[in-house]
N, C-alpha and C. Protein backbone atom coordinates (compact mmCIF):
# COMPACT_ATOMS: atom_id res chain seq x y z
N MET A 1 -52.60 204.13 159.25
CA MET A 1 -53.86 204.89 159.33
C MET A 1 -55.22 203.40 159.09
N PHE A 2 -54.64 202.87 158.09
CA PHE A 2 -55.54 201.88 158.12
C PHE A 2 -55.79 200.54 159.38
N LYS A 3 -54.21 200.50 159.88
CA LYS A 3 -54.56 199.91 161.25
C LYS A 3 -55.34 200.46 162.45
N THR A 4 -54.97 201.38 162.48
CA THR A 4 -56.09 202.10 163.57
C THR A 4 -57.43 202.18 163.03
N MET A 5 -57.78 202.31 161.91
CA MET A 5 -59.49 201.72 161.49
C MET A 5 -59.88 200.48 162.11
N LYS A 6 -58.83 199.60 161.20
CA LYS A 6 -59.35 198.64 161.89
C LYS A 6 -59.37 198.17 163.28
N GLN A 7 -58.44 198.85 164.17
CA GLN A 7 -58.60 198.61 165.36
C GLN A 7 -59.99 199.46 166.10
N LEU A 8 -60.47 200.15 165.34
CA LEU A 8 -61.97 200.70 165.81
C LEU A 8 -63.14 199.55 165.68
N PHE A 9 -62.91 198.78 164.96
CA PHE A 9 -63.95 197.42 164.90
C PHE A 9 -63.77 196.44 165.63
N THR A 10 -62.89 196.22 166.37
CA THR A 10 -62.45 194.93 167.36
C THR A 10 -63.37 195.24 168.36
N PRO A 11 -63.84 194.01 169.07
CA PRO A 11 -64.68 194.32 169.96
C PRO A 11 -64.53 194.99 171.41
N THR A 12 -63.14 195.00 171.64
CA THR A 12 -62.85 196.25 172.85
C THR A 12 -63.08 197.38 172.61
N ASN A 13 -63.24 198.03 171.45
CA ASN A 13 -63.58 199.33 171.41
C ASN A 13 -64.91 199.65 170.85
N LYS A 14 -65.88 198.80 171.67
CA LYS A 14 -67.33 198.87 171.32
C LYS A 14 -68.04 200.34 171.55
N ASP A 15 -67.75 200.90 172.82
CA ASP A 15 -68.28 202.09 173.36
C ASP A 15 -67.67 203.18 172.02
N LEU A 16 -66.63 203.29 171.94
CA LEU A 16 -65.93 204.41 170.64
C LEU A 16 -66.65 204.03 169.26
N ARG A 17 -67.09 202.80 169.11
CA ARG A 17 -67.64 202.44 167.64
C ARG A 17 -69.22 203.12 167.69
N HIS A 18 -69.92 202.74 169.24
CA HIS A 18 -71.30 203.28 169.16
C HIS A 18 -71.15 205.00 168.96
N ARG A 19 -69.99 205.61 169.49
CA ARG A 19 -70.13 207.11 169.52
C ARG A 19 -69.83 207.55 168.10
N ILE A 20 -68.95 206.73 167.41
CA ILE A 20 -69.03 207.26 165.85
C ILE A 20 -70.30 206.99 165.02
N TYR A 21 -71.00 205.71 165.12
CA TYR A 21 -72.38 205.33 164.36
C TYR A 21 -73.38 206.31 164.99
N PHE A 22 -73.26 206.97 166.45
CA PHE A 22 -74.42 208.05 166.46
C PHE A 22 -73.93 209.38 166.07
N THR A 23 -72.71 209.79 165.79
CA THR A 23 -72.25 211.06 165.49
C THR A 23 -72.52 211.15 163.70
N PHE A 24 -72.31 210.09 163.20
CA PHE A 24 -73.07 209.74 161.86
C PHE A 24 -74.37 209.98 161.61
N LEU A 25 -75.02 209.18 162.69
CA LEU A 25 -76.51 209.40 162.48
C LEU A 25 -76.83 210.55 162.85
N VAL A 26 -76.62 211.56 164.03
CA VAL A 26 -76.95 212.89 164.16
C VAL A 26 -76.57 213.98 162.69
N LEU A 27 -75.40 213.52 162.00
CA LEU A 27 -75.30 214.38 160.68
C LEU A 27 -76.16 213.90 159.84
N ALA A 28 -76.53 212.84 159.53
CA ALA A 28 -77.45 212.53 158.51
C ALA A 28 -78.75 213.21 158.73
N ILE A 29 -79.28 213.18 160.44
CA ILE A 29 -80.63 213.87 160.64
C ILE A 29 -80.53 215.37 160.57
N PHE A 30 -79.13 215.73 160.64
CA PHE A 30 -79.30 217.28 160.40
C PHE A 30 -79.12 217.61 158.77
N ILE A 31 -78.41 217.07 158.02
CA ILE A 31 -78.85 217.07 156.55
C ILE A 31 -80.06 216.60 155.94
N ILE A 32 -80.60 215.80 156.59
CA ILE A 32 -82.18 215.96 156.14
C ILE A 32 -83.10 216.93 156.32
N GLY A 33 -82.87 217.23 157.73
CA GLY A 33 -83.26 218.10 158.15
C GLY A 33 -83.40 219.72 157.36
N CYS A 34 -82.40 219.74 157.25
CA CYS A 34 -81.94 220.85 156.14
C CYS A 34 -82.24 221.08 154.86
N SER A 35 -82.89 220.02 154.45
CA SER A 35 -83.25 220.09 153.01
C SER A 35 -84.88 219.67 153.03
N ILE A 36 -85.61 219.77 154.06
CA ILE A 36 -86.81 219.82 153.99
C ILE A 36 -87.54 221.21 154.33
N ARG A 37 -87.94 221.68 153.35
CA ARG A 37 -88.55 223.06 153.31
C ARG A 37 -89.64 223.30 154.39
N VAL A 38 -90.20 224.39 155.07
CA VAL A 38 -91.34 224.69 155.96
C VAL A 38 -92.44 225.05 154.91
N PRO A 39 -93.48 224.28 155.09
CA PRO A 39 -94.62 224.24 154.40
C PRO A 39 -94.90 225.46 154.08
N GLY A 40 -95.99 225.80 152.90
CA GLY A 40 -96.30 227.17 152.67
C GLY A 40 -95.36 228.22 152.56
N THR A 41 -94.24 227.86 152.17
CA THR A 41 -93.29 229.19 151.94
C THR A 41 -93.00 229.10 150.43
N GLU A 42 -92.67 230.17 149.81
CA GLU A 42 -92.12 230.45 148.57
C GLU A 42 -90.54 230.41 148.55
N ASN A 43 -90.14 230.45 147.08
CA ASN A 43 -88.54 230.35 147.37
C ASN A 43 -88.44 231.89 147.34
N VAL A 44 -87.06 232.01 148.32
CA VAL A 44 -86.75 233.35 148.89
C VAL A 44 -86.00 233.90 147.43
N SER A 45 -85.84 235.25 147.56
CA SER A 45 -85.28 235.61 146.09
C SER A 45 -83.63 236.00 146.86
N ASN A 46 -82.76 235.51 145.82
CA ASN A 46 -81.60 235.44 145.87
C ASN A 46 -80.39 236.63 146.26
N ASN A 47 -81.24 237.65 145.50
CA ASN A 47 -80.58 239.16 145.30
C ASN A 47 -80.80 239.89 146.89
N LEU A 48 -81.46 239.36 148.29
CA LEU A 48 -81.48 240.20 149.38
C LEU A 48 -79.89 240.13 150.00
N GLY A 49 -79.57 240.97 150.55
CA GLY A 49 -78.29 241.25 150.68
C GLY A 49 -77.97 240.62 152.49
N PHE A 50 -78.98 240.91 153.21
CA PHE A 50 -78.90 240.40 154.64
C PHE A 50 -78.93 238.96 154.36
N LEU A 51 -80.18 238.44 153.56
CA LEU A 51 -80.70 237.18 153.67
C LEU A 51 -78.99 235.98 153.20
N GLU A 52 -78.35 236.54 152.20
CA GLU A 52 -77.05 236.10 151.86
C GLU A 52 -76.05 235.75 152.98
N LEU A 53 -76.13 236.94 153.82
CA LEU A 53 -75.10 237.09 154.81
C LEU A 53 -75.43 236.02 155.58
N LEU A 54 -76.81 235.91 156.10
CA LEU A 54 -77.46 234.88 157.06
C LEU A 54 -77.25 233.38 156.45
N ASN A 55 -77.29 233.19 154.97
CA ASN A 55 -77.22 231.87 154.38
C ASN A 55 -75.80 231.70 154.36
N SER A 56 -75.04 232.54 154.33
CA SER A 56 -73.38 231.98 154.30
C SER A 56 -73.27 231.23 155.60
N MET A 57 -73.67 232.17 156.72
CA MET A 57 -73.19 231.67 158.35
C MET A 57 -74.21 230.51 158.57
N GLY A 58 -75.14 230.09 158.06
CA GLY A 58 -75.94 229.10 158.30
C GLY A 58 -75.77 227.96 157.47
N GLY A 59 -74.87 227.85 156.53
CA GLY A 59 -74.66 226.55 155.88
C GLY A 59 -75.61 226.51 154.38
N GLY A 60 -76.54 226.80 154.41
CA GLY A 60 -77.39 227.18 153.22
C GLY A 60 -78.59 227.06 153.48
N ALA A 61 -78.88 226.62 154.65
CA ALA A 61 -80.45 226.59 155.30
C ALA A 61 -81.06 227.62 155.32
N PHE A 62 -80.94 228.71 155.19
CA PHE A 62 -81.61 230.01 155.36
C PHE A 62 -82.10 230.10 153.38
N LYS A 63 -81.43 229.69 152.55
CA LYS A 63 -81.79 229.93 151.12
C LYS A 63 -83.04 228.96 150.84
N LYS A 64 -83.15 227.43 151.12
CA LYS A 64 -84.11 226.95 151.36
C LYS A 64 -85.13 226.92 152.42
N PHE A 65 -84.88 227.82 153.28
CA PHE A 65 -85.87 228.03 154.68
C PHE A 65 -86.42 226.70 154.80
N SER A 66 -85.47 225.90 155.49
CA SER A 66 -85.48 224.53 156.04
C SER A 66 -86.27 224.50 157.43
N ILE A 67 -86.55 223.67 157.99
CA ILE A 67 -86.99 223.11 159.23
C ILE A 67 -86.10 223.60 160.21
N PHE A 68 -85.13 223.17 159.94
CA PHE A 68 -83.59 223.41 161.02
C PHE A 68 -83.18 224.82 161.16
N ALA A 69 -83.59 225.72 160.08
CA ALA A 69 -83.16 226.94 160.02
C ALA A 69 -84.32 227.90 160.83
N LEU A 70 -85.29 227.38 161.50
CA LEU A 70 -86.20 228.15 162.21
C LEU A 70 -85.50 228.01 163.98
N GLY A 71 -84.77 227.07 164.03
CA GLY A 71 -84.29 227.06 165.66
C GLY A 71 -85.33 226.47 166.40
N VAL A 72 -85.18 226.74 167.80
CA VAL A 72 -86.07 226.58 168.60
C VAL A 72 -87.11 227.66 169.07
N MET A 73 -87.17 228.56 168.23
CA MET A 73 -88.10 229.45 168.38
C MET A 73 -89.58 229.17 168.61
N PRO A 74 -89.91 228.39 167.70
CA PRO A 74 -91.32 227.76 167.26
C PRO A 74 -91.53 226.93 168.83
N TYR A 75 -90.74 226.23 168.90
CA TYR A 75 -90.99 225.17 170.38
C TYR A 75 -91.05 226.20 171.70
N ILE A 76 -90.11 227.31 171.57
CA ILE A 76 -90.54 228.26 172.82
C ILE A 76 -91.80 228.94 172.54
N THR A 77 -91.87 229.72 171.85
CA THR A 77 -93.15 230.08 171.22
C THR A 77 -94.50 229.15 171.87
N ALA A 78 -94.44 227.99 171.19
CA ALA A 78 -95.53 226.83 171.80
C ALA A 78 -95.78 226.44 172.94
N SER A 79 -94.64 226.47 173.95
CA SER A 79 -94.50 226.21 175.20
C SER A 79 -95.02 227.29 175.72
N ILE A 80 -94.81 228.64 175.51
CA ILE A 80 -95.15 229.66 176.65
C ILE A 80 -96.93 229.74 176.20
N ILE A 81 -97.08 229.47 175.07
CA ILE A 81 -98.96 229.56 174.82
C ILE A 81 -99.65 228.33 175.53
N MET A 82 -98.79 227.15 175.56
CA MET A 82 -99.47 226.08 176.04
C MET A 82 -99.45 226.60 177.79
N GLN A 83 -98.52 227.13 178.44
CA GLN A 83 -98.49 227.25 179.72
C GLN A 83 -99.57 228.30 180.06
N LEU A 84 -99.57 229.53 178.83
CA LEU A 84 -100.71 230.26 179.20
C LEU A 84 -102.21 229.62 179.33
N LEU A 85 -102.42 229.08 178.35
CA LEU A 85 -103.74 228.14 178.12
C LEU A 85 -104.10 227.19 179.28
N GLU A 86 -103.01 226.73 179.93
CA GLU A 86 -103.29 225.61 181.40
C GLU A 86 -103.44 226.58 182.42
N MET A 87 -103.37 227.79 182.48
CA MET A 87 -103.92 228.95 183.55
C MET A 87 -105.41 228.99 183.67
N ASP A 88 -105.81 229.25 184.65
CA ASP A 88 -107.29 229.52 184.63
C ASP A 88 -107.40 231.01 184.36
N ILE A 89 -106.89 231.57 183.28
CA ILE A 89 -107.01 233.10 182.89
C ILE A 89 -108.47 232.74 182.03
N PHE A 90 -108.35 232.16 181.12
CA PHE A 90 -109.08 231.99 179.79
C PHE A 90 -110.43 231.08 180.39
N PRO A 91 -111.55 231.57 180.44
CA PRO A 91 -112.97 230.75 180.82
C PRO A 91 -112.92 229.55 179.88
């Protein structure tokens, strides 16, 4: 096992090494993003049944109500609003 790990850091496996570093970077960004709370929210009560179910499937991100728990919905909503505002509907 250590021989295989030692071969990862040889100059011939440069691409594989970069992929491993990228994977660790993405995991670190995800962990940091799950710990940042959404501004203006209070602590969510722990005795909510459905929220506990979502929390168990979401890896604890819903209990903290973190930024990554929101998903892509705010981005999609903002892009739809921006596209509507770019049209000449409103004077």
